[in-house]
N, C-alpha and C. Protein backbone atom coordinates (compact mmCIF):
# COMPACT_ATOMS: atom_id res chain seq x y z
N UNK A 1 137.93 62.17 99.72
CA UNK A 1 138.43 62.25 98.34
C UNK A 1 137.75 63.45 97.67
N UNK A 2 138.51 64.26 97.01
CA UNK A 2 137.94 65.45 96.37
C UNK A 2 137.33 65.10 95.01
N UNK A 3 136.41 65.92 94.51
CA UNK A 3 135.72 65.64 93.24
C UNK A 3 136.66 65.47 92.05
N UNK A 4 137.76 66.19 92.02
CA UNK A 4 138.70 66.08 90.90
C UNK A 4 139.33 64.69 90.85
N UNK A 5 139.67 64.17 92.01
CA UNK A 5 140.25 62.83 92.08
C UNK A 5 139.22 61.79 91.67
N UNK A 6 138.00 61.94 92.15
CA UNK A 6 136.92 61.01 91.79
C UNK A 6 136.70 61.03 90.29
N UNK A 7 136.64 62.23 89.72
CA UNK A 7 136.43 62.37 88.27
C UNK A 7 137.56 61.69 87.50
N UNK A 8 138.78 61.95 87.89
CA UNK A 8 139.94 61.37 87.19
C UNK A 8 139.88 59.85 87.23
N UNK A 9 139.57 59.30 88.40
CA UNK A 9 139.50 57.85 88.53
C UNK A 9 138.31 57.28 87.75
N UNK A 10 137.17 57.97 87.80
CA UNK A 10 135.98 57.49 87.09
C UNK A 10 136.21 57.45 85.58
N UNK A 11 136.96 58.41 85.07
CA UNK A 11 137.22 58.46 83.63
C UNK A 11 138.13 57.33 83.15
N UNK A 12 138.78 56.66 84.08
CA UNK A 12 139.63 55.52 83.71
C UNK A 12 138.88 54.19 83.78
N UNK A 13 137.62 54.24 84.19
CA UNK A 13 136.81 53.01 84.24
C UNK A 13 136.45 52.57 82.83
N UNK A 14 136.14 51.29 82.65
CA UNK A 14 135.64 50.83 81.35
C UNK A 14 134.32 51.55 81.02
N UNK A 15 134.02 51.64 79.74
CA UNK A 15 132.85 52.38 79.28
C UNK A 15 131.57 51.92 79.98
N UNK A 16 131.37 50.62 80.08
CA UNK A 16 130.13 50.12 80.69
C UNK A 16 130.03 50.53 82.16
N UNK A 17 131.14 50.53 82.87
CA UNK A 17 131.13 50.96 84.27
C UNK A 17 130.88 52.46 84.39
N UNK A 18 131.46 53.24 83.47
CA UNK A 18 131.20 54.69 83.48
C UNK A 18 129.74 54.97 83.21
N UNK A 19 129.13 54.22 82.29
CA UNK A 19 127.71 54.41 81.98
C UNK A 19 126.85 54.10 83.19
N UNK A 20 127.16 53.02 83.88
CA UNK A 20 126.41 52.66 85.08
C UNK A 20 126.55 53.74 86.16
N UNK A 21 127.77 54.22 86.34
CA UNK A 21 128.02 55.27 87.33
C UNK A 21 127.27 56.55 86.96
N UNK A 22 127.33 56.92 85.69
CA UNK A 22 126.63 58.13 85.24
C UNK A 22 125.13 58.00 85.49
N UNK A 23 124.59 56.83 85.20
CA UNK A 23 123.16 56.59 85.41
C UNK A 23 122.80 56.74 86.89
N UNK A 24 123.60 56.16 87.77
CA UNK A 24 123.34 56.26 89.20
C UNK A 24 123.44 57.71 89.69
N UNK A 25 124.43 58.42 89.17
CA UNK A 25 124.59 59.82 89.56
C UNK A 25 123.41 60.66 89.10
N UNK A 26 122.94 60.43 87.87
CA UNK A 26 121.78 61.17 87.38
C UNK A 26 120.54 60.85 88.20
N UNK A 27 120.33 59.59 88.53
CA UNK A 27 119.18 59.22 89.36
C UNK A 27 119.26 59.88 90.73
N UNK A 28 120.46 60.04 91.25
CA UNK A 28 120.60 60.65 92.58
C UNK A 28 120.16 62.11 92.58
N UNK A 29 120.19 62.74 91.43
CA UNK A 29 119.77 64.15 91.35
C UNK A 29 118.26 64.30 91.49
N UNK A 30 117.53 63.23 91.20
CA UNK A 30 116.07 63.29 91.32
C UNK A 30 115.64 63.37 92.78
N UNK A 31 116.52 63.03 93.69
CA UNK A 31 116.19 63.03 95.12
C UNK A 31 116.55 64.35 95.79
N UNK A 32 116.93 65.33 95.01
CA UNK A 32 117.33 66.61 95.59
C UNK A 32 116.11 67.37 96.10
N UNK A 33 116.29 68.06 97.23
CA UNK A 33 115.23 68.90 97.78
C UNK A 33 115.17 70.21 96.98
N UNK A 34 114.09 70.92 97.17
CA UNK A 34 113.93 72.21 96.46
C UNK A 34 115.09 73.17 96.79
N UNK A 35 115.49 73.32 98.05
CA UNK A 35 116.64 74.19 98.34
C UNK A 35 117.93 73.71 97.68
N UNK A 36 118.13 72.38 97.60
CA UNK A 36 119.33 71.85 96.94
C UNK A 36 119.30 72.16 95.44
N UNK A 37 118.14 72.05 94.83
CA UNK A 37 117.99 72.36 93.40
C UNK A 37 118.27 73.84 93.16
N UNK A 38 117.70 74.70 94.01
CA UNK A 38 117.94 76.13 93.87
C UNK A 38 119.42 76.46 94.02
N UNK A 39 120.09 75.81 94.98
CA UNK A 39 121.52 76.06 95.17
C UNK A 39 122.33 75.58 93.97
N UNK A 40 121.93 74.43 93.41
CA UNK A 40 122.63 73.91 92.23
C UNK A 40 122.51 74.89 91.06
N UNK A 41 121.31 75.47 90.86
CA UNK A 41 121.13 76.44 89.79
C UNK A 41 121.94 77.71 90.06
N UNK A 42 121.98 78.13 91.33
CA UNK A 42 122.77 79.31 91.68
C UNK A 42 124.25 79.05 91.42
N UNK A 43 124.73 77.88 91.81
CA UNK A 43 126.14 77.52 91.57
C UNK A 43 126.45 77.52 90.07
N UNK A 44 125.52 76.97 89.27
CA UNK A 44 125.72 76.93 87.82
C UNK A 44 125.75 78.34 87.24
N UNK A 45 124.84 79.19 87.69
CA UNK A 45 124.80 80.58 87.20
C UNK A 45 126.10 81.31 87.56
N UNK A 46 126.59 81.09 88.77
CA UNK A 46 127.85 81.73 89.17
C UNK A 46 129.02 81.21 88.35
N UNK A 47 129.02 79.90 88.07
CA UNK A 47 130.10 79.32 87.26
C UNK A 47 130.09 79.93 85.86
N UNK A 48 128.89 80.02 85.28
CA UNK A 48 128.79 80.59 83.93
C UNK A 48 129.17 82.06 83.92
N UNK A 49 128.75 82.81 84.93
CA UNK A 49 129.11 84.23 85.01
C UNK A 49 130.63 84.39 85.10
N UNK A 50 131.27 83.52 85.88
CA UNK A 50 132.73 83.59 86.00
C UNK A 50 133.40 83.30 84.66
N UNK A 51 132.87 82.32 83.91
CA UNK A 51 133.42 82.01 82.58
C UNK A 51 133.30 83.22 81.65
N UNK A 52 132.18 83.91 81.73
CA UNK A 52 131.98 85.11 80.91
C UNK A 52 132.98 86.20 81.32
N UNK A 53 133.07 86.44 82.64
CA UNK A 53 133.97 87.47 83.16
C UNK A 53 135.43 87.19 82.79
N UNK A 54 135.81 85.92 82.73
CA UNK A 54 137.18 85.54 82.42
C UNK A 54 137.43 85.44 80.92
N UNK A 55 136.39 85.66 80.12
CA UNK A 55 136.54 85.59 78.67
C UNK A 55 136.75 84.18 78.15
N UNK A 56 136.26 83.18 78.89
CA UNK A 56 136.46 81.79 78.49
C UNK A 56 135.39 81.29 77.51
N UNK A 57 134.31 82.03 77.38
CA UNK A 57 133.23 81.62 76.49
C UNK A 57 132.89 82.77 75.54
N UNK A 58 132.35 82.41 74.40
CA UNK A 58 131.95 83.41 73.42
C UNK A 58 130.44 83.62 73.55
N UNK A 59 130.05 84.86 73.77
CA UNK A 59 128.63 85.17 73.88
C UNK A 59 128.01 85.28 72.50
N UNK A 60 126.76 84.84 72.38
CA UNK A 60 126.03 84.89 71.11
C UNK A 60 124.78 85.72 71.35
N UNK A 61 124.54 86.73 70.52
CA UNK A 61 123.34 87.56 70.70
C UNK A 61 122.06 86.72 70.61
N UNK A 62 121.07 87.08 71.41
CA UNK A 62 119.81 86.34 71.46
C UNK A 62 119.15 86.26 70.08
N UNK A 63 119.25 87.33 69.30
CA UNK A 63 118.64 87.34 67.98
C UNK A 63 119.23 86.25 67.09
N UNK A 64 120.55 86.06 67.19
CA UNK A 64 121.21 85.04 66.39
C UNK A 64 120.79 83.64 66.84
N UNK A 65 120.70 83.44 68.15
CA UNK A 65 120.27 82.15 68.68
C UNK A 65 118.85 81.84 68.21
N UNK A 66 117.95 82.83 68.28
CA UNK A 66 116.57 82.64 67.84
C UNK A 66 116.51 82.31 66.36
N UNK A 67 117.30 83.03 65.56
CA UNK A 67 117.32 82.78 64.11
C UNK A 67 117.78 81.35 63.81
N UNK A 68 118.83 80.92 64.47
CA UNK A 68 119.35 79.56 64.25
C UNK A 68 118.34 78.51 64.71
N UNK A 69 117.68 78.77 65.83
CA UNK A 69 116.70 77.80 66.34
C UNK A 69 115.51 77.69 65.37
N UNK A 70 115.04 78.82 64.87
CA UNK A 70 113.94 78.78 63.90
C UNK A 70 114.35 78.04 62.64
N UNK A 71 115.58 78.25 62.18
CA UNK A 71 116.06 77.57 60.98
C UNK A 71 116.12 76.06 61.21
N UNK A 72 116.51 75.63 62.38
CA UNK A 72 116.57 74.20 62.68
C UNK A 72 115.18 73.56 62.75
N UNK A 73 114.19 74.34 63.12
CA UNK A 73 112.83 73.82 63.25
C UNK A 73 112.08 73.76 61.92
N UNK A 74 112.63 74.34 60.90
CA UNK A 74 111.95 74.32 59.58
C UNK A 74 112.09 73.00 58.92
């Protein structure tokens, strides 16, 4: 079964079942090896880079992010 099918079916579960499933999935990530963690970060970086290249996300200058973060911490 492919991940898209699993996701579609999981989203039709009752809320309590989805919460239990999400919890189990999150716990399973704690058992990842260092190479698996590195690969997951690489996959995420590639996904984000593709979103940028395709114009699917709006980039925010670092200065603006820092200014907003400082304002939230006041």
